[in-house]
C-alpha atoms as a PDB file:
ATOM      1  CA  MET A   1      31.299   1.446  21.752  1.00  0.00           C
ATOM      2  CA  ASN A   2      29.757   0.875  25.178  1.00  0.00           C
ATOM      3  CA  SER A   3      26.012   1.219  24.600  1.00  0.00           C
ATOM      4  CA  LYS A   4      23.807  -1.544  25.968  1.00  0.00           C
ATOM      5  CA  ALA A   5      22.340  -2.136  22.500  1.00  0.00           C
ATOM      6  CA  TYR A   6      25.795  -2.626  21.012  1.00  0.00           C
ATOM      7  CA  ILE A   7      26.883  -4.932  23.826  1.00  0.00           C
ATOM      8  CA  ARG A   8      23.767  -7.090  23.372  1.00  0.00           C
ATOM      9  CA  HIS A   9      23.850  -7.044  19.563  1.00  0.00           C
ATOM     10  CA  HIS A  10      24.375 -10.428  18.030  1.00  0.00           C
ATOM     11  CA  ASP A  11      26.162 -11.073  14.794  1.00  0.00           C
ATOM     12  CA  ASP A  12      23.934 -11.168  11.747  1.00  0.00           C
ATOM     13  CA  PRO A  13      22.743 -14.784  11.776  1.00  0.00           C
ATOM     14  CA  TRP A  14      21.256 -16.436   8.708  1.00  0.00           C
ATOM     15  CA  GLY A  15      18.950 -19.390   8.132  1.00  0.00           C
ATOM     16  CA  LEU A  16      17.945 -21.527  11.088  1.00  0.00           C
ATOM     17  CA  GLU A  17      20.273 -19.609  13.419  1.00  0.00           C
ATOM     18  CA  MET A  18      18.361 -16.398  12.639  1.00  0.00           C
ATOM     19  CA  TYR A  19      15.062 -18.067  13.548  1.00  0.00           C
ATOM     20  CA  ARG A  20      16.580 -19.411  16.789  1.00  0.00           C
ATOM     21  CA  LYS A  21      17.718 -15.909  17.761  1.00  0.00           C
ATOM     22  CA  LEU A  22      14.275 -14.468  17.027  1.00  0.00           C
ATOM     23  CA  ALA A  23      12.597 -17.205  19.080  1.00  0.00           C
ATOM     24  CA  GLU A  24      14.986 -16.530  21.986  1.00  0.00           C
ATOM     25  CA  SER A  25      14.639 -12.758  21.882  1.00  0.00           C
ATOM     26  CA  LYS A  26      12.383 -10.888  24.260  1.00  0.00           C
ATOM     27  CA  ILE A  27      12.193  -7.864  21.964  1.00  0.00           C
ATOM     28  CA  THR A  28      12.937  -7.473  18.267  1.00  0.00           C
ATOM     29  CA  LEU A  29      13.305  -3.958  16.908  1.00  0.00           C
ATOM     30  CA  ASN A  30      12.392  -3.147  13.328  1.00  0.00           C
ATOM     31  CA  CYS A  31      12.945   0.023  11.332  1.00  0.00           C
ATOM     32  CA  HIS A  32      12.075   0.257   7.658  1.00  0.00           C
ATOM     33  CA  GLU A  33      14.485   1.698   5.149  1.00  0.00           C
ATOM     34  CA  GLU A  34      13.578   5.058   3.611  1.00  0.00           C
ATOM     35  CA  ILE A  35      12.674   3.339   0.328  1.00  0.00           C
ATOM     36  CA  ALA A  36       9.618   1.779   2.039  1.00  0.00           C
ATOM     37  CA  GLY A  37       7.958   5.182   2.248  1.00  0.00           C
ATOM     38  CA  ASN A  38       4.738   4.994   4.280  1.00  0.00           C
ATOM     39  CA  TYR A  39       4.239   1.254   3.832  1.00  0.00           C
ATOM     40  CA  ALA A  40       5.429  -1.656   5.943  1.00  0.00           C
ATOM     41  CA  SER A  41       7.173  -4.030   3.619  1.00  0.00           C
ATOM     42  CA  ASN A  42      10.080  -5.894   5.146  1.00  0.00           C
ATOM     43  CA  MET A  43      10.251  -9.570   6.041  1.00  0.00           C
ATOM     44  CA  ARG A  44      11.329  -8.974   9.660  1.00  0.00           C
ATOM     45  CA  LEU A  45       7.686  -8.203  10.452  1.00  0.00           C
ATOM     46  CA  TYR A  46       6.699 -11.750   9.585  1.00  0.00           C
ATOM     47  CA  LYS A  47       9.838 -13.566  10.718  1.00  0.00           C
ATOM     48  CA  ALA A  48       9.872 -11.997  14.198  1.00  0.00           C
ATOM     49  CA  THR A  49       6.133 -12.326  14.860  1.00  0.00           C
ATOM     50  CA  GLY A  50       6.104 -15.816  13.404  1.00  0.00           C
ATOM     51  CA  MET A  51       8.763 -16.870  15.890  1.00  0.00           C
ATOM     52  CA  GLY A  52       6.866 -15.310  18.797  1.00  0.00           C
ATOM     53  CA  ALA A  53       9.131 -12.323  19.443  1.00  0.00           C
ATOM     54  CA  CYS A  54       7.685  -9.057  20.697  1.00  0.00           C
ATOM     55  CA  LEU A  55       8.111  -6.873  17.622  1.00  0.00           C
ATOM     56  CA  ILE A  56       8.528  -3.121  18.050  1.00  0.00           C
ATOM     57  CA  THR A  57       8.396  -1.429  14.662  1.00  0.00           C
ATOM     58  CA  ASP A  58       8.162   2.025  13.163  1.00  0.00           C
ATOM     59  CA  TRP A  59       4.705   3.263  12.165  1.00  0.00           C
ATOM     60  CA  LYS A  60       3.572   2.684   8.600  1.00  0.00           C
ATOM     61  CA  GLU A  61       0.071   3.422   7.354  1.00  0.00           C
ATOM     62  CA  ASN A  62      -0.722  -0.136   6.252  1.00  0.00           C
ATOM     63  CA  LEU A  63       0.326  -1.863   9.513  1.00  0.00           C
ATOM     64  CA  PRO A  64      -3.261  -2.008  10.892  1.00  0.00           C
ATOM     65  CA  ASN A  65      -4.188  -3.982   7.754  1.00  0.00           C
ATOM     66  CA  ILE A  66      -1.529  -6.585   8.553  1.00  0.00           C
ATOM     67  CA  PHE A  67      -1.380  -6.749  12.369  1.00  0.00           C
ATOM     68  CA  GLU A  68      -3.477  -5.579  15.295  1.00  0.00           C
ATOM     69  CA  PRO A  69      -1.406  -2.783  16.892  1.00  0.00           C
ATOM     70  CA  ASP A  70      -0.662  -3.145  20.612  1.00  0.00           C
ATOM     71  CA  LEU A  71      -1.901  -6.723  20.523  1.00  0.00           C
ATOM     72  CA  GLU A  72       0.250  -8.420  17.878  1.00  0.00           C
ATOM     73  CA  ILE A  73       2.936  -5.732  17.473  1.00  0.00           C
ATOM     74  CA  VAL A  74       4.048  -2.509  19.138  1.00  0.00           C
ATOM     75  CA  ILE A  75       4.330   0.539  16.911  1.00  0.00           C
ATOM     76  CA  TYR A  76       6.399   3.643  17.574  1.00  0.00           C
ATOM     77  CA  ARG A  77       6.161   7.028  15.855  1.00  0.00           C
ATOM     78  CA  SER A  78       8.954   8.771  17.743  1.00  0.00           C
ATOM     79  CA  LEU A  79      12.181   8.007  19.546  1.00  0.00           C
ATOM     80  CA  ASP A  80      10.477   8.777  22.861  1.00  0.00           C
ATOM     81  CA  LYS A  81       7.746   6.195  22.129  1.00  0.00           C
ATOM     82  CA  LEU A  82      10.382   3.643  21.124  1.00  0.00           C
ATOM     83  CA  VAL A  83      12.315   4.176  24.349  1.00  0.00           C
ATOM     84  CA  SER A  84       9.193   3.994  26.520  1.00  0.00           C
ATOM     85  CA  SER A  85       8.090   0.815  24.719  1.00  0.00           C
ATOM     86  CA  VAL A  86      11.401  -0.886  25.399  1.00  0.00           C
ATOM     87  CA  MET A  87      11.560   0.199  29.023  1.00  0.00           C
END
């Protein structure tokens, strides 16, 4: 596979190495599993923002209760919005 995302993908680090990668990253993408429904619920939200990464995540109705959109996190509702946010 030759996509830029695949080329830049890192192995799945764990523990302190995971936190180092998040701290070094310019952008961290997040997408909730279908089981989450309309609610943000995964730990990447907190791990990435806690390490200072720019988090781009899919829209969930409770996100404004957790973070201030476009200040603390970037939210996308479509693939076009995701692409424009990354560019």
